[in-house]
């Protein structure tokens, strides 16, 4: 009987025990598959949906308000005092409502800009950096008196030094 019992115990030991959970290889395969599907979905969203939204926004032209000013003719600070500058500018505004305000203060703006132009020398006016600095100075002076909106860019439509 002891022998039979020993045989039964050996048979129980020889029988494979059922494994608990999933095998490690199957878990890894599932994890990799989920990552690939997630990455593909994210890439598809970015390239097809998000880029379309950006391109639609880029296609819409931006409407800007441009306010033209009359020509400025100024003697520039030069040794002989024989040179003058003729300058026509246009102002790009952030708010279309600022046009009415600019029309009301036009004489004040012209005076301020003339005061800015008069001390300029030929060398300052002919350099690219000097022209850019002049644009910034004009925008700054106009923005100081504006209460509605602001000047975003200054365009020189005529620039003649003689």
C-alpha atoms as a PDB file:
ATOM      1  CA  UNK A   1       0.000   0.000   0.000  1.00  0.00           C
ATOM      2  CA  UNK A   2       2.811   2.311   0.709  1.00  0.00           C
ATOM      3  CA  UNK A   3       4.119   1.533  -2.736  1.00  0.00           C
ATOM      4  CA  UNK A   4       0.764   2.401  -4.327  1.00  0.00           C
ATOM      5  CA  UNK A   5       0.650   5.615  -2.413  1.00  0.00           C
ATOM      6  CA  UNK A   6       4.171   6.456  -3.527  1.00  0.00           C
ATOM      7  CA  UNK A   7       3.174   5.751  -7.148  1.00  0.00           C
ATOM      8  CA  UNK A   8       0.173   8.057  -6.816  1.00  0.00           C
ATOM      9  CA  UNK A   9       2.331  10.847  -5.406  1.00  0.00           C
ATOM     10  CA  UNK A  10       4.835  10.417  -8.238  1.00  0.00           C
ATOM     11  CA  UNK A  11       2.031  10.554 -10.809  1.00  0.00           C
ATOM     12  CA  UNK A  12       0.741  13.755  -9.266  1.00  0.00           C
ATOM     13  CA  UNK A  13       4.237  15.255  -9.411  1.00  0.00           C
ATOM     14  CA  UNK A  14       4.650  14.174 -13.038  1.00  0.00           C
ATOM     15  CA  UNK A  15       1.378  15.753 -14.141  1.00  0.00           C
ATOM     16  CA  UNK A  16       2.016  19.265 -15.394  1.00  0.00           C
ATOM     17  CA  UNK A  17       0.530  21.928 -13.169  1.00  0.00           C
ATOM     18  CA  UNK A  18      -1.692  24.395 -14.958  1.00  0.00           C
ATOM     19  CA  UNK A  19       0.175  27.715 -15.488  1.00  0.00           C
ATOM     20  CA  UNK A  20      -1.260  30.817 -14.001  1.00  0.00           C
ATOM     21  CA  UNK A  21      -1.718  33.856 -16.310  1.00  0.00           C
ATOM     22  CA  UNK A  22      -0.500  34.408 -19.846  1.00  0.00           C
ATOM     23  CA  UNK A  23       2.940  33.471 -21.065  1.00  0.00           C
ATOM     24  CA  UNK A  24       5.504  36.292 -21.182  1.00  0.00           C
ATOM     25  CA  UNK A  25       5.955  36.014 -24.955  1.00  0.00           C
ATOM     26  CA  UNK A  26       2.249  36.544 -25.585  1.00  0.00           C
ATOM     27  CA  UNK A  27       2.214  39.616 -23.331  1.00  0.00           C
ATOM     28  CA  UNK A  28       5.193  41.099 -25.207  1.00  0.00           C
ATOM     29  CA  UNK A  29       3.587  40.471 -28.598  1.00  0.00           C
ATOM     30  CA  UNK A  30       0.350  42.135 -27.497  1.00  0.00           C
ATOM     31  CA  UNK A  31       2.225  45.127 -26.031  1.00  0.00           C
ATOM     32  CA  UNK A  32       4.245  45.650 -29.233  1.00  0.00           C
ATOM     33  CA  UNK A  33       1.094  45.382 -31.355  1.00  0.00           C
ATOM     34  CA  UNK A  34      -0.696  47.986 -29.213  1.00  0.00           C
ATOM     35  CA  UNK A  35       2.289  50.348 -29.482  1.00  0.00           C
ATOM     36  CA  UNK A  36       2.443  50.007 -33.264  1.00  0.00           C
ATOM     37  CA  UNK A  37      -1.289  50.637 -33.626  1.00  0.00           C
ATOM     38  CA  UNK A  38      -1.083  53.654 -31.301  1.00  0.00           C
ATOM     39  CA  UNK A  39       1.894  55.135 -33.144  1.00  0.00           C
ATOM     40  CA  UNK A  40       0.179  54.618 -36.493  1.00  0.00           C
ATOM     41  CA  UNK A  41      -2.998  56.270 -35.252  1.00  0.00           C
ATOM     42  CA  UNK A  42      -1.083  59.247 -33.854  1.00  0.00           C
ATOM     43  CA  UNK A  43       0.906  59.699 -37.046  1.00  0.00           C
ATOM     44  CA  UNK A  44      -2.241  59.435 -39.153  1.00  0.00           C
ATOM     45  CA  UNK A  45      -3.981  62.059 -37.044  1.00  0.00           C
ATOM     46  CA  UNK A  46      -1.026  64.428 -37.269  1.00  0.00           C
ATOM     47  CA  UNK A  47      -0.389  64.098 -41.002  1.00  0.00           C
ATOM     48  CA  UNK A  48      -3.942  63.922 -42.285  1.00  0.00           C
ATOM     49  CA  UNK A  49      -6.167  65.811 -39.866  1.00  0.00           C
ATOM     50  CA  UNK A  50      -3.939  68.346 -38.137  1.00  0.00           C
ATOM     51  CA  UNK A  51      -2.043  69.379 -41.296  1.00  0.00           C
ATOM     52  CA  UNK A  52      -5.351  69.964 -43.084  1.00  0.00           C
ATOM     53  CA  UNK A  53      -6.447  72.314 -40.312  1.00  0.00           C
ATOM     54  CA  UNK A  54      -3.157  74.233 -40.525  1.00  0.00           C
ATOM     55  CA  UNK A  55      -3.277  74.454 -44.314  1.00  0.00           C
ATOM     56  CA  UNK A  56      -6.887  75.733 -44.211  1.00  0.00           C
ATOM     57  CA  UNK A  57      -5.839  78.462 -41.807  1.00  0.00           C
ATOM     58  CA  UNK A  58      -2.874  79.330 -44.009  1.00  0.00           C
ATOM     59  CA  UNK A  59      -5.090  79.630 -47.095  1.00  0.00           C
ATOM     60  CA  UNK A  60      -7.230  82.375 -45.585  1.00  0.00           C
ATOM     61  CA  UNK A  61      -5.688  85.720 -46.525  1.00  0.00           C
ATOM     62  CA  UNK A  62      -5.151  88.111 -43.682  1.00  0.00           C
ATOM     63  CA  UNK A  63      -7.067  91.336 -44.128  1.00  0.00           C
ATOM     64  CA  UNK A  64      -5.034  94.343 -43.069  1.00  0.00           C
ATOM     65  CA  UNK A  65      -5.860  98.010 -42.932  1.00  0.00           C
ATOM     66  CA  UNK A  66      -3.421 100.333 -44.654  1.00  0.00           C
ATOM     67  CA  UNK A  67      -3.577 104.084 -44.155  1.00  0.00           C
ATOM     68  CA  UNK A  68      -1.687 106.192 -46.724  1.00  0.00           C
ATOM     69  CA  UNK A  69      -0.119 109.510 -45.806  1.00  0.00           C
ATOM     70  CA  UNK A  70       0.726 112.425 -48.059  1.00  0.00           C
ATOM     71  CA  UNK A  71       4.305 112.942 -49.228  1.00  0.00           C
ATOM     72  CA  UNK A  72       6.892 114.431 -46.883  1.00  0.00           C
ATOM     73  CA  UNK A  73       9.502 116.732 -48.432  1.00  0.00           C
ATOM     74  CA  UNK A  74      12.284 117.679 -46.020  1.00  0.00           C
ATOM     75  CA  UNK A  75      15.745 119.244 -46.249  1.00  0.00           C
ATOM     76  CA  UNK A  76      18.102 116.719 -44.707  1.00  0.00           C
ATOM     77  CA  UNK A  77      21.011 117.555 -42.440  1.00  0.00           C
ATOM     78  CA  UNK A  78      23.893 117.726 -44.879  1.00  0.00           C
ATOM     79  CA  UNK A  79      27.040 119.842 -45.072  1.00  0.00           C
ATOM     80  CA  UNK A  80      25.842 122.019 -47.972  1.00  0.00           C
ATOM     81  CA  UNK A  81      22.185 121.875 -47.003  1.00  0.00           C
ATOM     82  CA  UNK A  82      21.281 121.284 -50.644  1.00  0.00           C
ATOM     83  CA  UNK A  83      19.863 117.766 -50.300  1.00  0.00           C
ATOM     84  CA  UNK A  84      16.273 116.919 -49.637  1.00  0.00           C
ATOM     85  CA  UNK A  85      14.221 113.825 -48.973  1.00  0.00           C
ATOM     86  CA  UNK A  86      10.853 113.034 -50.475  1.00  0.00           C
ATOM     87  CA  UNK A  87       9.163 110.268 -48.544  1.00  0.00           C
ATOM     88  CA  UNK A  88       5.704 108.732 -48.946  1.00  0.00           C
ATOM     89  CA  UNK A  89       4.668 106.259 -46.271  1.00  0.00           C
ATOM     90  CA  UNK A  90       1.739 103.975 -45.640  1.00  0.00           C
ATOM     91  CA  UNK A  91       0.895 102.596 -42.218  1.00  0.00           C
ATOM     92  CA  UNK A  92      -0.403  99.080 -41.599  1.00  0.00           C
ATOM     93  CA  UNK A  93      -2.831  99.136 -38.692  1.00  0.00           C
ATOM     94  CA  UNK A  94      -3.943  96.375 -36.345  1.00  0.00           C
ATOM     95  CA  UNK A  95      -7.433  97.859 -35.945  1.00  0.00           C
ATOM     96  CA  UNK A  96      -9.509  99.289 -38.816  1.00  0.00           C
ATOM     97  CA  UNK A  97     -11.137 101.664 -36.339  1.00  0.00           C
ATOM     98  CA  UNK A  98      -7.828 103.478 -35.878  1.00  0.00           C
ATOM     99  CA  UNK A  99      -8.197 105.132 -39.309  1.00  0.00           C
ATOM    100  CA  UNK A 100     -10.781 107.598 -38.013  1.00  0.00           C
ATOM    101  CA  UNK A 101      -8.528 108.531 -35.114  1.00  0.00           C
ATOM    102  CA  UNK A 102      -5.540 108.981 -37.441  1.00  0.00           C
ATOM    103  CA  UNK A 103      -7.557 111.294 -39.686  1.00  0.00           C
ATOM    104  CA  UNK A 104      -8.338 113.499 -36.699  1.00  0.00           C
ATOM    105  CA  UNK A 105      -4.731 113.753 -35.536  1.00  0.00           C
ATOM    106  CA  UNK A 106      -3.110 113.905 -38.997  1.00  0.00           C
ATOM    107  CA  UNK A 107      -1.512 117.382 -38.520  1.00  0.00           C
ATOM    108  CA  UNK A 108       0.025 116.299 -35.232  1.00  0.00           C
ATOM    109  CA  UNK A 109       1.422 113.126 -36.831  1.00  0.00           C
ATOM    110  CA  UNK A 110       2.875 114.983 -39.810  1.00  0.00           C
ATOM    111  CA  UNK A 111       4.598 117.466 -37.486  1.00  0.00           C
ATOM    112  CA  UNK A 112       6.073 114.668 -35.381  1.00  0.00           C
ATOM    113  CA  UNK A 113       7.338 112.779 -38.433  1.00  0.00           C
ATOM    114  CA  UNK A 114       8.810 115.963 -39.977  1.00  0.00           C
ATOM    115  CA  UNK A 115      10.693 116.578 -36.719  1.00  0.00           C
ATOM    116  CA  UNK A 116      12.012 113.023 -36.954  1.00  0.00           C
ATOM    117  CA  UNK A 117      13.140 113.346 -40.595  1.00  0.00           C
ATOM    118  CA  UNK A 118      14.866 116.756 -40.503  1.00  0.00           C
ATOM    119  CA  UNK A 119      18.003 115.814 -38.520  1.00  0.00           C
ATOM    120  CA  UNK A 120      18.699 112.677 -40.610  1.00  0.00           C
ATOM    121  CA  UNK A 121      21.896 112.648 -42.665  1.00  0.00           C
ATOM    122  CA  UNK A 122      22.410 111.231 -46.134  1.00  0.00           C
ATOM    123  CA  UNK A 123      24.489 108.389 -44.705  1.00  0.00           C
ATOM    124  CA  UNK A 124      21.730 107.385 -42.255  1.00  0.00           C
ATOM    125  CA  UNK A 125      19.068 107.453 -44.949  1.00  0.00           C
ATOM    126  CA  UNK A 126      20.994 105.416 -47.497  1.00  0.00           C
ATOM    127  CA  UNK A 127      21.923 102.524 -45.197  1.00  0.00           C
ATOM    128  CA  UNK A 128      19.483  99.636 -44.887  1.00  0.00           C
ATOM    129  CA  UNK A 129      19.791  99.662 -41.099  1.00  0.00           C
ATOM    130  CA  UNK A 130      19.072 103.407 -41.095  1.00  0.00           C
ATOM    131  CA  UNK A 131      15.891 102.922 -43.113  1.00  0.00           C
ATOM    132  CA  UNK A 132      14.747 100.146 -40.794  1.00  0.00           C
ATOM    133  CA  UNK A 133      15.455 102.324 -37.754  1.00  0.00           C
ATOM    134  CA  UNK A 134      13.445 105.128 -39.402  1.00  0.00           C
ATOM    135  CA  UNK A 135      10.490 102.752 -39.887  1.00  0.00           C
ATOM    136  CA  UNK A 136      10.637 101.764 -36.220  1.00  0.00           C
ATOM    137  CA  UNK A 137      10.868 105.397 -35.097  1.00  0.00           C
ATOM    138  CA  UNK A 138       7.867 106.400 -37.208  1.00  0.00           C
ATOM    139  CA  UNK A 139       5.816 103.469 -35.889  1.00  0.00           C
ATOM    140  CA  UNK A 140       6.809 104.357 -32.330  1.00  0.00           C
ATOM    141  CA  UNK A 141       5.776 107.995 -32.699  1.00  0.00           C
ATOM    142  CA  UNK A 142       2.412 107.103 -34.207  1.00  0.00           C
ATOM    143  CA  UNK A 143       1.771 104.410 -31.588  1.00  0.00           C
ATOM    144  CA  UNK A 144       2.470 106.929 -28.822  1.00  0.00           C
ATOM    145  CA  UNK A 145      -0.514 109.050 -29.866  1.00  0.00           C
ATOM    146  CA  UNK A 146      -2.890 106.254 -30.930  1.00  0.00           C
ATOM    147  CA  UNK A 147      -5.430 105.094 -28.371  1.00  0.00           C
ATOM    148  CA  UNK A 148      -7.134 102.484 -30.555  1.00  0.00           C
ATOM    149  CA  UNK A 149      -5.062  99.838 -32.298  1.00  0.00           C
ATOM    150  CA  UNK A 150      -1.432 100.225 -33.253  1.00  0.00           C
ATOM    151  CA  UNK A 151       0.861 100.491 -36.262  1.00  0.00           C
ATOM    152  CA  UNK A 152       2.215  97.047 -37.097  1.00  0.00           C
ATOM    153  CA  UNK A 153       4.356  98.027 -40.116  1.00  0.00           C
ATOM    154  CA  UNK A 154       5.500 101.131 -41.943  1.00  0.00           C
ATOM    155  CA  UNK A 155       5.878 100.949 -45.718  1.00  0.00           C
ATOM    156  CA  UNK A 156       7.941 103.392 -47.768  1.00  0.00           C
ATOM    157  CA  UNK A 157       6.165 103.715 -51.115  1.00  0.00           C
ATOM    158  CA  UNK A 158       8.443 106.538 -52.313  1.00  0.00           C
ATOM    159  CA  UNK A 159      11.918 107.257 -51.024  1.00  0.00           C
ATOM    160  CA  UNK A 160      13.870 109.848 -53.011  1.00  0.00           C
ATOM    161  CA  UNK A 161      16.992 111.664 -51.864  1.00  0.00           C
ATOM    162  CA  UNK A 162      18.307 114.400 -54.142  1.00  0.00           C
END
